[in-house]
Amino acid sequence: MTPRVRAVPLAAGALLALASAAPARALASSSADELVRQARAHEASGEDDVAVRRYMDALTIEPTHEGAWLGLGALRVRMGETAEAERVYSSALARVPTLRAALEGRARARWALERHPEAETDLEAFATSDASLPAWRELAGWYGADGRSPAQLAVWRRILRLAVEREDAASEREARRMVRALLVLVDTADPASSPPWPDTTRRSLAAIARRGG
């Protein structure tokens, strides 16, 4: 009997704690929303320093507020504080690992900081998770800027597959043109179009690659 008697007030206490926590969370979220709204208004008025403080106030109240993290990161970029923006996006991902837009933002910040391998890794992760054709195009451009033609070709082949799956005729035509052009540029560096051991299977893959995917 004694254990059951003790369990009743404990259960009641737990329910009371949950009941009181829910309004507190709702109040914190509402307050953070209002601070983010104020931050955006200050941005629109050109009061960037005040906007930064409002975003940070919102995150103090609600550390997982996605709008505050993304707003603060974008504002830091616009202010030319790219290194700080990269830290903001990294902190956002530590708090909210599923915040894919922060991954995209950090990729661009790292690219601007000339941390290209990290930037490309981030953007590829974002593009993969979001199946975003614009992100894949941007990544292909980055590989091209770095002179990584085989990697660029691989990305355009992926874009081609996605375009075919989505019946996106314009993107498909673009991807086929890019694949053909990159095959000429890559030449023997591309194992699909110029296999080192020309067995029957590899010759077939080479023919497909030369036709643009």
N, C-alpha and C. Protein backbone atom coordinates (compact mmCIF):
# COMPACT_ATOMS: atom_id res chain seq x y z
N MET A 1 0.82 -1.21 0.00
CA MET A 1 0.00 0.00 0.00
C MET A 1 0.85 1.26 0.00
N THR A 2 1.93 1.23 0.77
CA THR A 2 2.76 2.44 0.88
C THR A 2 3.29 2.93 -0.45
N PRO A 3 3.86 2.03 -1.33
CA PRO A 3 4.35 2.52 -2.62
C PRO A 3 3.27 3.19 -3.45
N ARG A 4 2.01 2.61 -3.41
CA ARG A 4 0.95 3.20 -4.20
C ARG A 4 0.56 4.58 -3.69
N VAL A 5 0.55 4.73 -2.36
CA VAL A 5 0.20 6.02 -1.76
C VAL A 5 1.21 7.08 -2.16
N ARG A 6 2.51 6.69 -2.18
CA ARG A 6 3.56 7.64 -2.55
C ARG A 6 3.50 7.99 -4.04
N ALA A 7 3.06 7.04 -4.86
CA ALA A 7 3.05 7.27 -6.31
C ALA A 7 2.01 8.30 -6.73
N VAL A 8 0.92 8.43 -5.98
CA VAL A 8 -0.14 9.35 -6.36
C VAL A 8 0.31 10.79 -6.37
N PRO A 9 0.93 11.31 -5.27
CA PRO A 9 1.37 12.70 -5.31
C PRO A 9 2.48 12.95 -6.33
N LEU A 10 3.34 11.92 -6.57
CA LEU A 10 4.40 12.09 -7.57
C LEU A 10 3.80 12.25 -8.96
N ALA A 11 2.82 11.40 -9.30
CA ALA A 11 2.18 11.50 -10.60
C ALA A 11 1.45 12.82 -10.75
N ALA A 12 0.77 13.23 -9.70
CA ALA A 12 0.06 14.50 -9.74
C ALA A 12 1.03 15.66 -9.93
N GLY A 13 2.20 15.55 -9.25
CA GLY A 13 3.21 16.60 -9.38
C GLY A 13 3.76 16.67 -10.79
N ALA A 14 3.96 15.51 -11.40
CA ALA A 14 4.47 15.49 -12.78
C ALA A 14 3.47 16.11 -13.74
N LEU A 15 2.19 15.78 -13.55
CA LEU A 15 1.15 16.35 -14.42
C LEU A 15 1.06 17.86 -14.24
N LEU A 16 1.20 18.31 -12.99
CA LEU A 16 1.15 19.75 -12.72
C LEU A 16 2.31 20.46 -13.39
N ALA A 17 3.50 19.82 -13.35
CA ALA A 17 4.68 20.43 -13.98
C ALA A 17 4.50 20.54 -15.49
N LEU A 18 3.94 19.47 -16.09
CA LEU A 18 3.70 19.51 -17.53
C LEU A 18 2.68 20.58 -17.90
N ALA A 19 1.65 20.68 -17.08
CA ALA A 19 0.60 21.66 -17.35
C ALA A 19 1.13 23.08 -17.27
N SER A 20 2.04 23.32 -16.32
CA SER A 20 2.58 24.68 -16.16
C SER A 20 3.65 24.98 -17.20
N ALA A 21 4.33 23.92 -17.70
CA ALA A 21 5.40 24.13 -18.68
C ALA A 21 4.85 24.52 -20.04
N ALA A 22 3.70 23.96 -20.41
CA ALA A 22 3.14 24.23 -21.74
C ALA A 22 2.85 25.71 -21.96
N PRO A 23 2.16 26.40 -21.03
CA PRO A 23 1.95 27.84 -21.23
C PRO A 23 3.24 28.63 -21.25
N ALA A 24 4.23 28.18 -20.45
CA ALA A 24 5.51 28.89 -20.42
C ALA A 24 6.21 28.79 -21.78
N ARG A 25 6.16 27.59 -22.39
CA ARG A 25 6.76 27.43 -23.72
C ARG A 25 6.03 28.26 -24.76
N ALA A 26 4.71 28.27 -24.67
CA ALA A 26 3.92 29.04 -25.62
C ALA A 26 4.21 30.53 -25.49
N LEU A 27 4.37 31.00 -24.23
CA LEU A 27 4.68 32.41 -24.01
C LEU A 27 6.05 32.77 -24.56
N ALA A 28 7.05 31.87 -24.34
CA ALA A 28 8.40 32.11 -24.85
C ALA A 28 8.39 32.17 -26.37
N SER A 29 7.65 31.25 -27.00
CA SER A 29 7.58 31.23 -28.45
C SER A 29 6.91 32.49 -28.99
N SER A 30 5.84 32.90 -28.33
CA SER A 30 5.14 34.11 -28.76
C SER A 30 6.02 35.34 -28.61
N SER A 31 6.76 35.41 -27.51
CA SER A 31 7.66 36.55 -27.29
C SER A 31 8.77 36.57 -28.32
N ALA A 32 9.30 35.39 -28.63
CA ALA A 32 10.37 35.31 -29.64
C ALA A 32 9.85 35.71 -31.01
N ASP A 33 8.62 35.29 -31.32
CA ASP A 33 8.01 35.68 -32.60
C ASP A 33 7.92 37.20 -32.71
N GLU A 34 7.51 37.84 -31.62
CA GLU A 34 7.37 39.29 -31.63
C GLU A 34 8.73 39.97 -31.81
N LEU A 35 9.74 39.44 -31.15
CA LEU A 35 11.09 40.02 -31.29
C LEU A 35 11.61 39.87 -32.71
N VAL A 36 11.33 38.74 -33.34
CA VAL A 36 11.75 38.54 -34.73
C VAL A 36 11.01 39.51 -35.65
N ARG A 37 9.72 39.72 -35.36
CA ARG A 37 8.96 40.69 -36.15
C ARG A 37 9.58 42.09 -36.02
N GLN A 38 9.96 42.45 -34.79
CA GLN A 38 10.60 43.75 -34.56
C GLN A 38 11.95 43.83 -35.28
N ALA A 39 12.71 42.73 -35.24
CA ALA A 39 14.02 42.71 -35.91
C ALA A 39 13.87 42.98 -37.40
N ARG A 40 12.88 42.34 -38.01
CA ARG A 40 12.66 42.54 -39.45
C ARG A 40 12.24 43.97 -39.76
N ALA A 41 11.45 44.54 -38.88
CA ALA A 41 11.03 45.93 -39.07
C ALA A 41 12.23 46.88 -38.98
N HIS A 42 13.12 46.62 -38.03
CA HIS A 42 14.32 47.44 -37.89
C HIS A 42 15.23 47.28 -39.10
N GLU A 43 15.32 46.05 -39.62
CA GLU A 43 16.10 45.84 -40.85
C GLU A 43 15.55 46.68 -41.99
N ALA A 44 14.22 46.66 -42.13
CA ALA A 44 13.59 47.41 -43.21
C ALA A 44 13.84 48.90 -43.08
N SER A 45 14.05 49.35 -41.84
CA SER A 45 14.31 50.78 -41.59
C SER A 45 15.80 51.12 -41.63
N GLY A 46 16.62 50.11 -41.93
CA GLY A 46 18.06 50.34 -41.98
C GLY A 46 18.74 50.36 -40.63
N GLU A 47 18.04 49.91 -39.58
CA GLU A 47 18.62 49.91 -38.22
C GLU A 47 19.17 48.51 -37.93
N ASP A 48 20.27 48.19 -38.60
CA ASP A 48 20.80 46.83 -38.54
C ASP A 48 21.28 46.45 -37.14
N ASP A 49 21.93 47.36 -36.43
CA ASP A 49 22.44 47.04 -35.10
C ASP A 49 21.31 46.68 -34.15
N VAL A 50 20.21 47.42 -34.24
CA VAL A 50 19.06 47.13 -33.39
C VAL A 50 18.45 45.78 -33.79
N ALA A 51 18.39 45.54 -35.09
CA ALA A 51 17.85 44.26 -35.58
C ALA A 51 18.67 43.09 -35.04
N VAL A 52 19.99 43.22 -35.03
CA VAL A 52 20.85 42.15 -34.49
C VAL A 52 20.48 41.88 -33.04
N ARG A 53 20.31 42.94 -32.25
CA ARG A 53 19.98 42.76 -30.83
C ARG A 53 18.63 42.07 -30.67
N ARG A 54 17.67 42.42 -31.51
CA ARG A 54 16.35 41.80 -31.39
C ARG A 54 16.41 40.31 -31.74
N TYR A 55 17.14 39.99 -32.79
CA TYR A 55 17.30 38.57 -33.13
C TYR A 55 17.96 37.81 -31.98
N MET A 56 18.97 38.41 -31.39
CA MET A 56 19.68 37.73 -30.30
C MET A 56 18.81 37.63 -29.05
N ASP A 57 18.00 38.64 -28.81
CA ASP A 57 17.04 38.57 -27.70
C ASP A 57 16.06 37.42 -27.91
N ALA A 58 15.60 37.27 -29.15
CA ALA A 58 14.67 36.19 -29.46
C ALA A 58 15.30 34.83 -29.20
N LEU A 59 16.58 34.69 -29.55
CA LEU A 59 17.26 33.41 -29.35
C LEU A 59 17.56 33.15 -27.88
N THR A 60 17.70 34.20 -27.10
CA THR A 60 17.87 34.03 -25.66
C THR A 60 16.61 33.43 -25.05
N ILE A 61 15.47 33.89 -25.54
CA ILE A 61 14.19 33.39 -25.03
C ILE A 61 13.86 32.01 -25.59
N GLU A 62 14.09 31.84 -26.90
CA GLU A 62 13.77 30.59 -27.59
C GLU A 62 14.95 30.16 -28.46
N PRO A 63 15.88 29.35 -27.88
CA PRO A 63 17.12 29.01 -28.59
C PRO A 63 16.94 28.19 -29.86
N THR A 64 15.74 27.66 -30.10
CA THR A 64 15.52 26.87 -31.31
C THR A 64 14.62 27.60 -32.30
N HIS A 65 14.50 28.89 -32.17
CA HIS A 65 13.62 29.65 -33.07
C HIS A 65 14.26 29.76 -34.45
N GLU A 66 13.70 29.08 -35.42
CA GLU A 66 14.30 29.00 -36.74
C GLU A 66 14.35 30.36 -37.43
N GLY A 67 13.28 31.13 -37.32
CA GLY A 67 13.25 32.43 -37.96
C GLY A 67 14.32 33.37 -37.44
N ALA A 68 14.58 33.28 -36.14
CA ALA A 68 15.61 34.14 -35.55
C ALA A 68 17.00 33.75 -36.04
N TRP A 69 17.28 32.45 -36.09
CA TRP A 69 18.59 32.00 -36.57
C TRP A 69 18.80 32.40 -38.03
N LEU A 70 17.82 32.13 -38.87
CA LEU A 70 17.97 32.44 -40.29
C LEU A 70 18.02 33.94 -40.54
N GLY A 71 17.21 34.70 -39.81
CA GLY A 71 17.22 36.15 -39.96
C GLY A 71 18.55 36.75 -39.55
N LEU A 72 19.09 36.26 -38.43
CA LEU A 72 20.37 36.78 -37.94
C LEU A 72 21.51 36.42 -38.90
N GLY A 73 21.50 35.17 -39.40
CA GLY A 73 22.54 34.76 -40.34
C GLY A 73 22.52 35.58 -41.62
N ALA A 74 21.32 35.76 -42.17
CA ALA A 74 21.19 36.54 -43.41
C ALA A 74 21.58 38.00 -43.19
N LEU A 75 21.24 38.53 -42.03
CA LEU A 75 21.60 39.93 -41.73
C LEU A 75 23.10 40.10 -41.62
N ARG A 76 23.77 39.14 -40.97
CA ARG A 76 25.23 39.20 -40.86
C ARG A 76 25.88 39.16 -42.25
N VAL A 77 25.33 38.36 -43.13
CA VAL A 77 25.86 38.31 -44.50
C VAL A 77 25.68 39.66 -45.17
N ARG A 78 24.49 40.22 -45.05
CA ARG A 78 24.21 41.49 -45.70
C ARG A 78 25.07 42.62 -45.14
N MET A 79 25.44 42.50 -43.86
CA MET A 79 26.30 43.51 -43.23
C MET A 79 27.77 43.32 -43.59
N GLY A 80 28.07 42.27 -44.35
CA GLY A 80 29.46 41.99 -44.73
C GLY A 80 30.24 41.24 -43.66
N GLU A 81 29.55 40.73 -42.65
CA GLU A 81 30.20 40.00 -41.55
C GLU A 81 30.08 38.50 -41.82
N THR A 82 30.77 38.06 -42.87
CA THR A 82 30.60 36.69 -43.35
C THR A 82 31.08 35.66 -42.34
N ALA A 83 32.19 35.91 -41.67
CA ALA A 83 32.70 34.96 -40.68
C ALA A 83 31.70 34.81 -39.53
N GLU A 84 31.11 35.93 -39.11
CA GLU A 84 30.11 35.86 -38.05
C GLU A 84 28.87 35.13 -38.53
N ALA A 85 28.50 35.34 -39.79
CA ALA A 85 27.35 34.62 -40.35
C ALA A 85 27.60 33.11 -40.34
N GLU A 86 28.83 32.71 -40.69
CA GLU A 86 29.16 31.28 -40.68
C GLU A 86 29.01 30.71 -39.27
N ARG A 87 29.41 31.47 -38.25
CA ARG A 87 29.27 31.01 -36.87
C ARG A 87 27.79 30.93 -36.47
N VAL A 88 27.01 31.89 -36.94
CA VAL A 88 25.56 31.87 -36.64
C VAL A 88 24.93 30.61 -37.22
N TYR A 89 25.22 30.33 -38.48
CA TYR A 89 24.62 29.16 -39.11
C TYR A 89 25.10 27.85 -38.45
N SER A 90 26.36 27.81 -38.04
CA SER A 90 26.86 26.62 -37.35
C SER A 90 26.15 26.44 -36.02
N SER A 91 25.94 27.53 -35.29
CA SER A 91 25.22 27.46 -34.02
C SER A 91 23.78 27.03 -34.24
N ALA A 92 23.18 27.53 -35.32
CA ALA A 92 21.80 27.15 -35.64
C ALA A 92 21.70 25.64 -35.87
N LEU A 93 22.65 25.09 -36.61
CA LEU A 93 22.62 23.66 -36.91
C LEU A 93 22.91 22.82 -35.67
N ALA A 94 23.69 23.37 -34.74
CA ALA A 94 23.93 22.66 -33.49
C ALA A 94 22.65 22.59 -32.66
N ARG A 95 21.86 23.66 -32.71
CA ARG A 95 20.60 23.72 -31.96
C ARG A 95 19.46 23.01 -32.69
N VAL A 96 19.42 23.21 -34.02
CA VAL A 96 18.32 22.64 -34.83
C VAL A 96 18.94 21.91 -36.02
N PRO A 97 19.38 20.68 -35.82
CA PRO A 97 20.08 19.96 -36.89
C PRO A 97 19.26 19.78 -38.18
N THR A 98 17.96 19.86 -38.07
CA THR A 98 17.10 19.67 -39.25
C THR A 98 16.87 20.96 -40.03
N LEU A 99 17.48 22.05 -39.62
CA LEU A 99 17.26 23.34 -40.27
C LEU A 99 18.09 23.41 -41.55
N ARG A 100 17.53 22.90 -42.63
CA ARG A 100 18.29 22.77 -43.88
C ARG A 100 18.68 24.12 -44.47
N ALA A 101 17.84 25.12 -44.28
CA ALA A 101 18.16 26.44 -44.83
C ALA A 101 19.44 27.00 -44.21
N ALA A 102 19.72 26.63 -42.96
CA ALA A 102 20.97 27.06 -42.31
C ALA A 102 22.17 26.38 -42.96
N LEU A 103 21.98 25.16 -43.41
CA LEU A 103 23.05 24.45 -44.11
C LEU A 103 23.38 25.14 -45.42
N GLU A 104 22.34 25.56 -46.13
CA GLU A 104 22.54 26.31 -47.37
C GLU A 104 23.23 27.64 -47.10
N GLY A 105 22.79 28.34 -46.06
CA GLY A 105 23.39 29.62 -45.71
C GLY A 105 24.85 29.47 -45.33
N ARG A 106 25.15 28.44 -44.54
CA ARG A 106 26.55 28.23 -44.13
C ARG A 106 27.42 27.88 -45.33
N ALA A 107 26.87 27.12 -46.28
CA ALA A 107 27.63 26.78 -47.48
C ALA A 107 28.07 28.04 -48.20
N ARG A 108 27.15 28.98 -48.38
CA ARG A 108 27.49 30.21 -49.10
C ARG A 108 28.46 31.08 -48.31
N ALA A 109 28.29 31.10 -46.99
CA ALA A 109 29.22 31.87 -46.15
C ALA A 109 30.62 31.27 -46.25
N ARG A 110 30.73 29.95 -46.20
CA ARG A 110 32.04 29.30 -46.28
C ARG A 110 32.66 29.50 -47.65
N TRP A 111 31.83 29.50 -48.69
CA TRP A 111 32.37 29.75 -50.03
C TRP A 111 32.96 31.16 -50.09
N ALA A 112 32.23 32.13 -49.55
CA ALA A 112 32.72 33.52 -49.54
C ALA A 112 34.00 33.65 -48.73
N LEU A 113 34.17 32.81 -47.72
CA LEU A 113 35.37 32.83 -46.89
C LEU A 113 36.50 32.01 -47.51
N GLU A 114 36.25 31.50 -48.73
CA GLU A 114 37.22 30.68 -49.47
C GLU A 114 37.52 29.36 -48.77
N ARG A 115 36.56 28.88 -48.02
CA ARG A 115 36.66 27.54 -47.43
C ARG A 115 35.87 26.60 -48.35
N HIS A 116 36.40 26.45 -49.56
CA HIS A 116 35.64 25.81 -50.62
C HIS A 116 35.28 24.35 -50.36
N PRO A 117 36.19 23.50 -49.90
CA PRO A 117 35.79 22.10 -49.67
C PRO A 117 34.64 21.97 -48.67
N GLU A 118 34.70 22.75 -47.58
CA GLU A 118 33.62 22.70 -46.59
C GLU A 118 32.32 23.24 -47.19
N ALA A 119 32.44 24.31 -47.97
CA ALA A 119 31.26 24.90 -48.61
C ALA A 119 30.60 23.90 -49.55
N GLU A 120 31.41 23.21 -50.35
CA GLU A 120 30.88 22.26 -51.31
C GLU A 120 30.22 21.08 -50.60
N THR A 121 30.82 20.64 -49.48
CA THR A 121 30.21 19.56 -48.70
C THR A 121 28.86 19.97 -48.15
N ASP A 122 28.78 21.20 -47.62
CA ASP A 122 27.51 21.70 -47.08
C ASP A 122 26.45 21.81 -48.17
N LEU A 123 26.84 22.39 -49.31
CA LEU A 123 25.84 22.60 -50.36
C LEU A 123 25.38 21.26 -50.95
N GLU A 124 26.28 20.31 -51.07
CA GLU A 124 25.88 18.99 -51.56
C GLU A 124 24.90 18.34 -50.59
N ALA A 125 25.16 18.47 -49.27
CA ALA A 125 24.24 17.91 -48.28
C ALA A 125 22.87 18.58 -48.37
N PHE A 126 22.87 19.90 -48.54
CA PHE A 126 21.59 20.61 -48.68
C PHE A 126 20.86 20.18 -49.95
N ALA A 127 21.58 20.15 -51.06
CA ALA A 127 20.96 19.79 -52.34
C ALA A 127 20.40 18.38 -52.30
N THR A 128 21.12 17.47 -51.64
CA THR A 128 20.67 16.09 -51.53
C THR A 128 19.40 16.00 -50.68
N SER A 129 19.39 16.70 -49.56
CA SER A 129 18.24 16.62 -48.65
C SER A 129 17.02 17.31 -49.23
N ASP A 130 17.23 18.36 -50.01
CA ASP A 130 16.13 19.16 -50.54
C ASP A 130 15.80 18.82 -52.00
N ALA A 131 16.63 17.97 -52.62
CA ALA A 131 16.47 17.64 -54.05
C ALA A 131 16.28 18.90 -54.87
N SER A 132 17.13 19.90 -54.58
CA SER A 132 16.98 21.23 -55.18
C SER A 132 17.82 21.36 -56.44
N LEU A 133 17.15 21.53 -57.58
CA LEU A 133 17.89 21.74 -58.83
C LEU A 133 18.72 23.03 -58.79
N PRO A 134 18.19 24.15 -58.29
CA PRO A 134 19.04 25.36 -58.20
C PRO A 134 20.29 25.14 -57.37
N ALA A 135 20.17 24.40 -56.27
CA ALA A 135 21.34 24.13 -55.43
C ALA A 135 22.35 23.26 -56.16
N TRP A 136 21.85 22.24 -56.89
CA TRP A 136 22.77 21.40 -57.66
C TRP A 136 23.46 22.23 -58.75
N ARG A 137 22.73 23.14 -59.39
CA ARG A 137 23.36 24.00 -60.41
C ARG A 137 24.44 24.87 -59.78
N GLU A 138 24.14 25.41 -58.62
CA GLU A 138 25.12 26.25 -57.94
C GLU A 138 26.37 25.45 -57.59
N LEU A 139 26.16 24.22 -57.10
CA LEU A 139 27.30 23.37 -56.76
C LEU A 139 28.13 23.06 -58.00
N ALA A 140 27.47 22.79 -59.12
CA ALA A 140 28.20 22.53 -60.37
C ALA A 140 29.05 23.75 -60.73
N GLY A 141 28.50 24.94 -60.54
CA GLY A 141 29.26 26.15 -60.81
C GLY A 141 30.47 26.29 -59.91
N TRP A 142 30.30 25.92 -58.66
CA TRP A 142 31.43 25.98 -57.72
C TRP A 142 32.54 25.03 -58.14
N TYR A 143 32.14 23.80 -58.52
CA TYR A 143 33.16 22.84 -58.96
C TYR A 143 33.86 23.37 -60.21
N GLY A 144 33.11 24.00 -61.10
CA GLY A 144 33.71 24.57 -62.30
C GLY A 144 34.70 25.67 -61.95
N ALA A 145 34.33 26.53 -60.99
CA ALA A 145 35.22 27.61 -60.57
C ALA A 145 36.50 27.08 -59.95
N ASP A 146 36.42 25.92 -59.31
CA ASP A 146 37.60 25.30 -58.70
C ASP A 146 38.37 24.42 -59.69
N GLY A 147 37.89 24.37 -60.93
CA GLY A 147 38.58 23.55 -61.92
C GLY A 147 38.39 22.06 -61.72
N ARG A 148 37.31 21.68 -61.05
CA ARG A 148 37.05 20.26 -60.77
C ARG A 148 36.01 19.75 -61.78
N SER A 149 36.46 19.62 -63.01
CA SER A 149 35.55 19.26 -64.09
C SER A 149 34.89 17.89 -63.91
N PRO A 150 35.61 16.85 -63.48
CA PRO A 150 34.93 15.56 -63.27
C PRO A 150 33.80 15.65 -62.23
N ALA A 151 34.05 16.39 -61.14
CA ALA A 151 33.00 16.57 -60.13
C ALA A 151 31.84 17.37 -60.70
N GLN A 152 32.16 18.37 -61.51
CA GLN A 152 31.12 19.18 -62.15
C GLN A 152 30.27 18.31 -63.08
N LEU A 153 30.94 17.45 -63.83
CA LEU A 153 30.23 16.55 -64.73
C LEU A 153 29.29 15.62 -63.95
N ALA A 154 29.77 15.10 -62.83
CA ALA A 154 28.95 14.20 -62.01
C ALA A 154 27.69 14.91 -61.52
N VAL A 155 27.83 16.17 -61.15
CA VAL A 155 26.67 16.94 -60.68
C VAL A 155 25.68 17.16 -61.82
N TRP A 156 26.18 17.51 -63.01
CA TRP A 156 25.27 17.73 -64.13
C TRP A 156 24.56 16.45 -64.53
N ARG A 157 25.22 15.32 -64.39
CA ARG A 157 24.54 14.05 -64.66
C ARG A 157 23.42 13.82 -63.64
N ARG A 158 23.67 14.24 -62.41
CA ARG A 158 22.62 14.11 -61.39
C ARG A 158 21.44 15.04 -61.72
N ILE A 159 21.77 16.25 -62.14
CA ILE A 159 20.72 17.19 -62.53
C ILE A 159 19.90 16.61 -63.68
N LEU A 160 20.59 15.98 -64.62
CA LEU A 160 19.91 15.36 -65.77
C LEU A 160 18.93 14.29 -65.29
N ARG A 161 19.37 13.44 -64.37
CA ARG A 161 18.48 12.39 -63.87
C ARG A 161 17.25 12.99 -63.20
N LEU A 162 17.47 14.01 -62.36
CA LEU A 162 16.34 14.64 -61.67
C LEU A 162 15.39 15.30 -62.67
N ALA A 163 15.96 15.96 -63.67
CA ALA A 163 15.12 16.63 -64.67
C ALA A 163 14.27 15.63 -65.44
N VAL A 164 14.86 14.49 -65.79
CA VAL A 164 14.10 13.45 -66.50
C VAL A 164 12.98 12.92 -65.61
N GLU A 165 13.30 12.65 -64.33
CA GLU A 165 12.30 12.14 -63.39
C GLU A 165 11.13 13.12 -63.24
N ARG A 166 11.45 14.41 -63.26
CA ARG A 166 10.42 15.43 -63.04
C ARG A 166 9.77 15.92 -64.33
N GLU A 167 10.23 15.36 -65.44
CA GLU A 167 9.73 15.77 -66.75
C GLU A 167 9.88 17.28 -66.95
N ASP A 168 11.03 17.77 -66.52
CA ASP A 168 11.38 19.19 -66.66
C ASP A 168 12.20 19.32 -67.94
N ALA A 169 11.50 19.61 -69.06
CA ALA A 169 12.15 19.59 -70.37
C ALA A 169 13.26 20.62 -70.49
N ALA A 170 13.05 21.82 -69.97
CA ALA A 170 14.06 22.87 -70.09
C ALA A 170 15.32 22.49 -69.33
N SER A 171 15.15 21.99 -68.11
CA SER A 171 16.32 21.59 -67.32
C SER A 171 17.01 20.39 -67.94
N GLU A 172 16.23 19.50 -68.54
CA GLU A 172 16.82 18.33 -69.20
C GLU A 172 17.68 18.76 -70.38
N ARG A 173 17.18 19.69 -71.20
CA ARG A 173 17.97 20.17 -72.34
C ARG A 173 19.25 20.84 -71.87
N GLU A 174 19.12 21.66 -70.84
CA GLU A 174 20.30 22.34 -70.30
C GLU A 174 21.33 21.33 -69.80
N ALA A 175 20.85 20.34 -69.05
CA ALA A 175 21.76 19.34 -68.47
C ALA A 175 22.45 18.53 -69.56
N ARG A 176 21.71 18.17 -70.59
CA ARG A 176 22.33 17.39 -71.67
C ARG A 176 23.43 18.21 -72.36
N ARG A 177 23.17 19.51 -72.59
CA ARG A 177 24.20 20.37 -73.20
C ARG A 177 25.45 20.43 -72.33
N MET A 178 25.23 20.58 -71.02
CA MET A 178 26.37 20.69 -70.11
C MET A 178 27.15 19.37 -70.03
N VAL A 179 26.43 18.26 -70.00
CA VAL A 179 27.10 16.96 -69.95
C VAL A 179 27.95 16.76 -71.18
N ARG A 180 27.39 17.08 -72.37
CA ARG A 180 28.17 16.91 -73.61
C ARG A 180 29.41 17.80 -73.61
N ALA A 181 29.24 19.05 -73.17
CA ALA A 181 30.37 19.98 -73.15
C ALA A 181 31.45 19.52 -72.17
N LEU A 182 31.02 19.04 -71.01
CA LEU A 182 31.99 18.62 -70.00
C LEU A 182 32.68 17.33 -70.38
N LEU A 183 32.00 16.47 -71.14
CA LEU A 183 32.65 15.25 -71.62
C LEU A 183 33.83 15.60 -72.51
N VAL A 184 33.68 16.63 -73.35
CA VAL A 184 34.79 17.07 -74.19
C VAL A 184 35.92 17.61 -73.33
N LEU A 185 35.57 18.38 -72.30
CA LEU A 185 36.57 18.98 -71.44
C LEU A 185 37.30 17.94 -70.59
N VAL A 186 36.52 17.03 -70.03
CA VAL A 186 37.10 16.03 -69.12
C VAL A 186 37.89 14.98 -69.89
N ASP A 187 37.32 14.53 -71.01
CA ASP A 187 37.95 13.54 -71.89
C ASP A 187 38.37 12.31 -71.11
N THR A 188 39.65 11.99 -71.08
CA THR A 188 40.09 10.73 -70.47
C THR A 188 40.02 10.74 -68.96
N ALA A 189 39.77 11.90 -68.34
CA ALA A 189 39.64 11.92 -66.88
C ALA A 189 38.31 11.35 -66.44
N ASP A 190 37.36 11.20 -67.37
CA ASP A 190 36.05 10.67 -67.04
C ASP A 190 36.04 9.16 -67.29
N PRO A 191 35.97 8.33 -66.23
CA PRO A 191 36.04 6.88 -66.41
C PRO A 191 34.84 6.30 -67.14
N ALA A 192 33.71 7.02 -67.17
CA ALA A 192 32.54 6.49 -67.86
C ALA A 192 32.68 6.62 -69.37
N SER A 193 33.17 7.80 -69.81
CA SER A 193 33.27 8.02 -71.25
C SER A 193 34.57 7.50 -71.85
N SER A 194 35.61 7.38 -71.03
CA SER A 194 36.90 6.87 -71.52
C SER A 194 37.42 5.81 -70.57
N PRO A 195 36.82 4.64 -70.56
CA PRO A 195 37.21 3.60 -69.59
C PRO A 195 38.62 3.09 -69.83
N PRO A 196 39.38 2.86 -68.76
CA PRO A 196 40.74 2.36 -68.92
C PRO A 196 40.79 0.92 -69.42
N TRP A 197 39.74 0.14 -69.13
CA TRP A 197 39.69 -1.23 -69.61
C TRP A 197 38.41 -1.40 -70.42
N PRO A 198 38.51 -1.31 -71.75
CA PRO A 198 37.30 -1.23 -72.58
C PRO A 198 36.61 -2.58 -72.76
N ASP A 199 36.08 -3.14 -71.66
CA ASP A 199 35.27 -4.35 -71.83
C ASP A 199 33.90 -3.94 -72.35
N THR A 200 33.05 -4.90 -72.62
CA THR A 200 31.76 -4.62 -73.25
C THR A 200 30.90 -3.68 -72.42
N THR A 201 30.84 -3.92 -71.10
CA THR A 201 30.01 -3.10 -70.23
C THR A 201 30.49 -1.66 -70.21
N ARG A 202 31.80 -1.48 -70.10
CA ARG A 202 32.34 -0.13 -70.04
C ARG A 202 32.18 0.59 -71.37
N ARG A 203 32.29 -0.15 -72.47
CA ARG A 203 32.08 0.49 -73.77
C ARG A 203 30.65 0.98 -73.89
N SER A 204 29.71 0.21 -73.35
CA SER A 204 28.30 0.62 -73.40
C SER A 204 28.09 1.88 -72.56
N LEU A 205 28.70 1.90 -71.37
CA LEU A 205 28.58 3.09 -70.52
C LEU A 205 29.20 4.30 -71.21
N ALA A 206 30.32 4.07 -71.90
CA ALA A 206 30.98 5.18 -72.60
C ALA A 206 30.08 5.75 -73.68
N ALA A 207 29.41 4.87 -74.42
CA ALA A 207 28.52 5.35 -75.49
C ALA A 207 27.38 6.16 -74.93
N ILE A 208 26.81 5.67 -73.80
CA ILE A 208 25.71 6.42 -73.16
C ILE A 208 26.20 7.78 -72.70
N ALA A 209 27.38 7.80 -72.08
CA ALA A 209 27.93 9.07 -71.57
C ALA A 209 28.16 10.06 -72.68
N ARG A 210 28.66 9.60 -73.82
CA ARG A 210 28.95 10.50 -74.93
C ARG A 210 27.66 11.07 -75.56
N ARG A 211 26.55 10.34 -75.38
CA ARG A 211 25.29 10.87 -75.89
C ARG A 211 24.66 11.86 -74.94
N GLY A 212 25.32 12.11 -73.81
CA GLY A 212 24.80 13.10 -72.86
C GLY A 212 23.98 12.49 -71.76
N GLY A 213 24.34 11.31 -71.27
CA GLY A 213 23.64 10.69 -70.15
C GLY A 213 22.80 9.55 -70.59
